[in-house]
Amino acid sequence: MTRKARIEETLSVALAPLHLEVTDESYMHSVPEGAESHFKVLVVSDAFTEDKPIGRHRRVNALLRGELDAGLHALSIHAWTPEEWFEQGGGPAPQSPQCMGGSKVSA
């Protein structure tokens, strides 16, 4: 099972999201092909209704602790309630900035 699939399964089981996007952004960074080291997550769940943004991030990080301990290097988290997601148009996760280091930066 890929890291992406494990992340999707973990978040789906724990948060019962209305919407979930897990994007492997490793290709944007100077890592070996197939590294599965940099991910972006958009998770929309009623489970976040009572949490402040920092609490949501802590919850997602705690759920993915095993992946972080096993080589997941970077995790961009967008954790929204359904209301927040709909207010933003119900679309995809925000675009990630270009990597500023290594060989992926254009001269």
N, C-alpha and C. Protein backbone atom coordinates (compact mmCIF):
# COMPACT_ATOMS: atom_id res chain seq x y z
N MET A 1 0.86 -1.17 0.00
CA MET A 1 0.00 0.00 0.00
C MET A 1 0.90 1.24 0.00
N THR A 2 0.56 2.21 -0.80
CA THR A 2 1.34 3.45 -0.88
C THR A 2 1.10 4.32 0.35
N ARG A 3 2.02 5.25 0.59
CA ARG A 3 1.84 6.19 1.70
C ARG A 3 0.56 6.99 1.49
N LYS A 4 0.29 7.41 0.25
CA LYS A 4 -0.93 8.17 -0.04
C LYS A 4 -2.16 7.37 0.39
N ALA A 5 -2.21 6.10 0.04
CA ALA A 5 -3.35 5.26 0.40
C ALA A 5 -3.47 5.09 1.91
N ARG A 6 -2.34 4.94 2.59
CA ARG A 6 -2.38 4.81 4.06
C ARG A 6 -2.89 6.10 4.71
N ILE A 7 -2.44 7.24 4.21
CA ILE A 7 -2.92 8.52 4.73
C ILE A 7 -4.42 8.65 4.52
N GLU A 8 -4.88 8.34 3.30
CA GLU A 8 -6.32 8.41 3.00
C GLU A 8 -7.12 7.50 3.93
N GLU A 9 -6.65 6.30 4.13
CA GLU A 9 -7.37 5.34 4.98
C GLU A 9 -7.40 5.82 6.43
N THR A 10 -6.27 6.26 6.93
CA THR A 10 -6.19 6.72 8.32
C THR A 10 -7.13 7.89 8.58
N LEU A 11 -7.09 8.89 7.70
CA LEU A 11 -7.93 10.07 7.89
C LEU A 11 -9.41 9.75 7.67
N SER A 12 -9.70 8.89 6.72
CA SER A 12 -11.10 8.51 6.46
C SER A 12 -11.72 7.80 7.66
N VAL A 13 -10.99 6.87 8.24
CA VAL A 13 -11.51 6.11 9.38
C VAL A 13 -11.68 7.02 10.60
N ALA A 14 -10.70 7.86 10.86
CA ALA A 14 -10.71 8.66 12.09
C ALA A 14 -11.62 9.88 12.02
N LEU A 15 -11.78 10.48 10.84
CA LEU A 15 -12.47 11.76 10.74
C LEU A 15 -13.77 11.72 9.94
N ALA A 16 -14.08 10.62 9.28
CA ALA A 16 -15.28 10.51 8.45
C ALA A 16 -15.48 11.79 7.62
N PRO A 17 -14.52 12.14 6.78
CA PRO A 17 -14.60 13.42 6.07
C PRO A 17 -15.70 13.47 5.01
N LEU A 18 -16.24 14.67 4.86
CA LEU A 18 -17.16 14.95 3.77
C LEU A 18 -16.37 14.99 2.45
N HIS A 19 -15.14 15.50 2.55
CA HIS A 19 -14.26 15.60 1.39
C HIS A 19 -12.82 15.38 1.86
N LEU A 20 -12.05 14.63 1.07
CA LEU A 20 -10.65 14.36 1.40
C LEU A 20 -9.82 14.36 0.13
N GLU A 21 -8.77 15.15 0.13
CA GLU A 21 -7.78 15.15 -0.95
C GLU A 21 -6.42 14.92 -0.32
N VAL A 22 -5.70 13.94 -0.84
CA VAL A 22 -4.33 13.70 -0.42
C VAL A 22 -3.48 13.74 -1.68
N THR A 23 -2.56 14.70 -1.73
CA THR A 23 -1.75 14.92 -2.92
C THR A 23 -0.28 14.70 -2.60
N ASP A 24 0.35 13.81 -3.34
CA ASP A 24 1.79 13.59 -3.20
C ASP A 24 2.50 14.67 -3.99
N GLU A 25 3.16 15.58 -3.30
CA GLU A 25 3.88 16.68 -3.94
C GLU A 25 5.39 16.46 -3.95
N SER A 26 5.80 15.24 -3.74
CA SER A 26 7.23 14.93 -3.69
C SER A 26 7.94 15.31 -4.98
N TYR A 27 7.26 15.19 -6.11
CA TYR A 27 7.85 15.50 -7.41
C TYR A 27 8.30 16.95 -7.50
N MET A 28 7.77 17.81 -6.64
CA MET A 28 8.11 19.23 -6.66
C MET A 28 9.39 19.53 -5.87
N HIS A 29 9.97 18.52 -5.27
CA HIS A 29 11.11 18.70 -4.37
C HIS A 29 12.30 17.86 -4.82
N SER A 30 13.44 18.17 -4.29
CA SER A 30 14.67 17.45 -4.64
C SER A 30 14.79 16.19 -3.79
N VAL A 31 14.01 15.21 -4.16
CA VAL A 31 14.03 13.92 -3.47
C VAL A 31 14.10 12.83 -4.53
N PRO A 32 14.53 11.64 -4.15
CA PRO A 32 14.57 10.54 -5.13
C PRO A 32 13.17 10.23 -5.66
N GLU A 33 13.10 9.78 -6.88
CA GLU A 33 11.82 9.39 -7.46
C GLU A 33 11.18 8.31 -6.60
N GLY A 34 9.88 8.47 -6.36
CA GLY A 34 9.15 7.51 -5.54
C GLY A 34 9.32 7.70 -4.04
N ALA A 35 9.88 8.83 -3.62
CA ALA A 35 10.17 9.06 -2.21
C ALA A 35 8.92 9.15 -1.33
N GLU A 36 7.82 9.62 -1.87
CA GLU A 36 6.59 9.80 -1.08
C GLU A 36 6.89 10.53 0.24
N SER A 37 7.54 11.68 0.13
CA SER A 37 8.01 12.39 1.33
C SER A 37 7.28 13.71 1.60
N HIS A 38 6.61 14.28 0.61
CA HIS A 38 5.96 15.58 0.74
C HIS A 38 4.49 15.45 0.31
N PHE A 39 3.57 15.76 1.23
CA PHE A 39 2.15 15.62 0.93
C PHE A 39 1.37 16.85 1.33
N LYS A 40 0.28 17.06 0.61
CA LYS A 40 -0.70 18.09 0.94
C LYS A 40 -2.02 17.38 1.21
N VAL A 41 -2.69 17.78 2.29
CA VAL A 41 -3.96 17.17 2.68
C VAL A 41 -5.01 18.26 2.80
N LEU A 42 -6.14 18.04 2.18
CA LEU A 42 -7.35 18.83 2.42
C LEU A 42 -8.36 17.86 3.00
N VAL A 43 -8.74 18.10 4.24
CA VAL A 43 -9.72 17.23 4.88
C VAL A 43 -10.84 18.11 5.42
N VAL A 44 -12.06 17.80 5.00
CA VAL A 44 -13.25 18.55 5.39
C VAL A 44 -14.11 17.63 6.25
N SER A 45 -14.26 18.01 7.52
CA SER A 45 -14.96 17.11 8.44
C SER A 45 -15.69 17.88 9.53
N ASP A 46 -16.85 17.36 9.91
CA ASP A 46 -17.58 17.88 11.07
C ASP A 46 -16.78 17.68 12.36
N ALA A 47 -15.81 16.78 12.34
CA ALA A 47 -14.99 16.53 13.52
C ALA A 47 -14.20 17.76 13.96
N PHE A 48 -14.04 18.73 13.07
CA PHE A 48 -13.27 19.93 13.37
C PHE A 48 -14.12 21.08 13.91
N THR A 49 -15.40 20.88 14.05
CA THR A 49 -16.31 21.97 14.40
C THR A 49 -15.92 22.71 15.68
N GLU A 50 -15.48 22.01 16.69
CA GLU A 50 -15.14 22.63 17.97
C GLU A 50 -13.66 23.00 18.08
N ASP A 51 -12.84 22.64 17.08
CA ASP A 51 -11.39 22.86 17.16
C ASP A 51 -10.98 24.17 16.50
N LYS A 52 -10.00 24.82 17.09
CA LYS A 52 -9.33 25.95 16.45
C LYS A 52 -8.37 25.36 15.42
N PRO A 53 -7.90 26.17 14.47
CA PRO A 53 -6.99 25.63 13.44
C PRO A 53 -5.79 24.85 13.99
N ILE A 54 -5.15 25.36 15.04
CA ILE A 54 -3.99 24.65 15.57
C ILE A 54 -4.38 23.28 16.12
N GLY A 55 -5.55 23.17 16.71
CA GLY A 55 -6.04 21.89 17.21
C GLY A 55 -6.30 20.90 16.09
N ARG A 56 -6.80 21.41 14.99
CA ARG A 56 -7.05 20.56 13.81
C ARG A 56 -5.74 20.00 13.28
N HIS A 57 -4.74 20.87 13.17
CA HIS A 57 -3.43 20.44 12.67
C HIS A 57 -2.81 19.43 13.63
N ARG A 58 -2.93 19.68 14.91
CA ARG A 58 -2.39 18.73 15.89
C ARG A 58 -3.08 17.38 15.77
N ARG A 59 -4.38 17.40 15.55
CA ARG A 59 -5.13 16.14 15.41
C ARG A 59 -4.65 15.36 14.19
N VAL A 60 -4.52 16.04 13.05
CA VAL A 60 -4.07 15.37 11.83
C VAL A 60 -2.63 14.86 12.02
N ASN A 61 -1.76 15.69 12.59
CA ASN A 61 -0.39 15.25 12.84
C ASN A 61 -0.35 14.02 13.75
N ALA A 62 -1.18 14.01 14.79
CA ALA A 62 -1.22 12.86 15.69
C ALA A 62 -1.69 11.60 14.96
N LEU A 63 -2.70 11.76 14.12
CA LEU A 63 -3.20 10.61 13.36
C LEU A 63 -2.15 10.06 12.41
N LEU A 64 -1.30 10.93 11.90
CA LEU A 64 -0.29 10.52 10.91
C LEU A 64 1.10 10.38 11.53
N ARG A 65 1.19 10.30 12.86
CA ARG A 65 2.47 10.18 13.55
C ARG A 65 3.31 9.03 13.00
N GLY A 66 2.70 7.91 12.74
CA GLY A 66 3.43 6.76 12.21
C GLY A 66 4.09 7.07 10.88
N GLU A 67 3.39 7.77 10.02
CA GLU A 67 3.96 8.14 8.72
C GLU A 67 5.09 9.16 8.89
N LEU A 68 4.90 10.11 9.80
CA LEU A 68 5.95 11.10 10.06
C LEU A 68 7.20 10.42 10.62
N ASP A 69 7.02 9.44 11.47
CA ASP A 69 8.15 8.71 12.03
C ASP A 69 8.83 7.81 11.00
N ALA A 70 8.10 7.48 9.93
CA ALA A 70 8.61 6.55 8.92
C ALA A 70 9.04 7.25 7.63
N GLY A 71 9.35 8.54 7.68
CA GLY A 71 9.92 9.20 6.51
C GLY A 71 9.08 10.26 5.84
N LEU A 72 7.84 10.47 6.29
CA LEU A 72 7.06 11.58 5.75
C LEU A 72 7.73 12.86 6.23
N HIS A 73 8.26 13.63 5.31
CA HIS A 73 9.09 14.79 5.65
C HIS A 73 8.29 16.08 5.78
N ALA A 74 7.32 16.27 4.91
CA ALA A 74 6.56 17.52 4.91
C ALA A 74 5.08 17.22 4.70
N LEU A 75 4.25 17.92 5.48
CA LEU A 75 2.81 17.72 5.41
C LEU A 75 2.12 19.08 5.47
N SER A 76 1.51 19.46 4.36
CA SER A 76 0.72 20.68 4.30
C SER A 76 -0.72 20.30 4.62
N ILE A 77 -1.29 20.93 5.65
CA ILE A 77 -2.62 20.54 6.13
C ILE A 77 -3.62 21.67 5.94
N HIS A 78 -4.72 21.36 5.29
CA HIS A 78 -5.88 22.25 5.18
C HIS A 78 -7.03 21.46 5.81
N ALA A 79 -7.37 21.80 7.05
CA ALA A 79 -8.39 21.08 7.82
C ALA A 79 -9.55 22.02 8.07
N TRP A 80 -10.65 21.79 7.38
CA TRP A 80 -11.79 22.70 7.40
C TRP A 80 -13.06 21.99 7.81
N THR A 81 -13.98 22.76 8.38
CA THR A 81 -15.33 22.26 8.60
C THR A 81 -16.06 22.32 7.26
N PRO A 82 -17.16 21.59 7.10
CA PRO A 82 -17.92 21.70 5.87
C PRO A 82 -18.36 23.14 5.58
N GLU A 83 -18.77 23.87 6.60
CA GLU A 83 -19.19 25.26 6.41
C GLU A 83 -18.04 26.11 5.83
N GLU A 84 -16.85 25.96 6.37
CA GLU A 84 -15.70 26.71 5.86
C GLU A 84 -15.39 26.34 4.42
N TRP A 85 -15.48 25.05 4.14
CA TRP A 85 -15.18 24.59 2.78
C TRP A 85 -16.18 25.15 1.78
N PHE A 86 -17.47 25.13 2.13
CA PHE A 86 -18.49 25.67 1.25
C PHE A 86 -18.33 27.18 1.08
N GLU A 87 -17.94 27.88 2.15
CA GLU A 87 -17.69 29.33 2.06
C GLU A 87 -16.58 29.64 1.06
N GLN A 88 -15.65 28.71 0.90
CA GLN A 88 -14.54 28.89 -0.03
C GLN A 88 -14.85 28.31 -1.40
N GLY A 89 -16.08 27.94 -1.61
CA GLY A 89 -16.49 27.46 -2.92
C GLY A 89 -16.48 25.95 -3.08
N GLY A 90 -16.11 25.22 -2.04
CA GLY A 90 -16.13 23.76 -2.12
C GLY A 90 -15.16 23.18 -3.11
N GLY A 91 -14.10 23.90 -3.38
CA GLY A 91 -13.15 23.46 -4.38
C GLY A 91 -11.97 22.70 -3.82
N PRO A 92 -10.97 22.56 -4.66
CA PRO A 92 -9.78 21.80 -4.26
C PRO A 92 -8.92 22.59 -3.26
N ALA A 93 -7.93 21.92 -2.73
CA ALA A 93 -6.99 22.55 -1.79
C ALA A 93 -6.25 23.68 -2.49
N PRO A 94 -5.84 24.68 -1.72
CA PRO A 94 -5.06 25.78 -2.30
C PRO A 94 -3.78 25.27 -2.96
N GLN A 95 -3.34 25.99 -3.96
CA GLN A 95 -2.11 25.65 -4.67
C GLN A 95 -0.91 25.79 -3.75
N SER A 96 0.01 24.86 -3.80
CA SER A 96 1.23 24.93 -3.00
C SER A 96 2.26 25.80 -3.70
N PRO A 97 3.08 26.50 -2.92
CA PRO A 97 4.14 27.31 -3.53
C PRO A 97 5.23 26.41 -4.11
N GLN A 98 6.01 26.95 -5.00
CA GLN A 98 7.13 26.21 -5.56
C GLN A 98 8.18 25.98 -4.49
N CYS A 99 8.85 24.85 -4.56
CA CYS A 99 9.94 24.54 -3.66
C CYS A 99 11.06 25.55 -3.89
N MET A 100 11.62 26.07 -2.82
CA MET A 100 12.66 27.09 -2.93
C MET A 100 14.08 26.54 -2.86
N GLY A 101 14.23 25.26 -2.69
CA GLY A 101 15.58 24.70 -2.55
C GLY A 101 15.85 23.60 -3.54
N GLY A 102 17.10 23.20 -3.63
CA GLY A 102 17.48 22.06 -4.46
C GLY A 102 17.36 22.32 -5.94
N SER A 103 17.37 21.23 -6.69
CA SER A 103 17.46 21.31 -8.14
C SER A 103 16.16 21.59 -8.84
N LYS A 104 15.04 21.64 -8.15
CA LYS A 104 13.74 21.87 -8.79
C LYS A 104 13.47 23.35 -9.06
N VAL A 105 14.27 24.22 -8.51
CA VAL A 105 14.09 25.66 -8.71
C VAL A 105 14.65 26.04 -10.07
N SER A 106 13.85 26.75 -10.85
CA SER A 106 14.35 27.19 -12.16
C SER A 106 15.29 28.37 -11.97
N ALA A 107 16.27 28.41 -12.80
CA ALA A 107 17.29 29.48 -12.70
C ALA A 107 16.78 30.78 -13.24
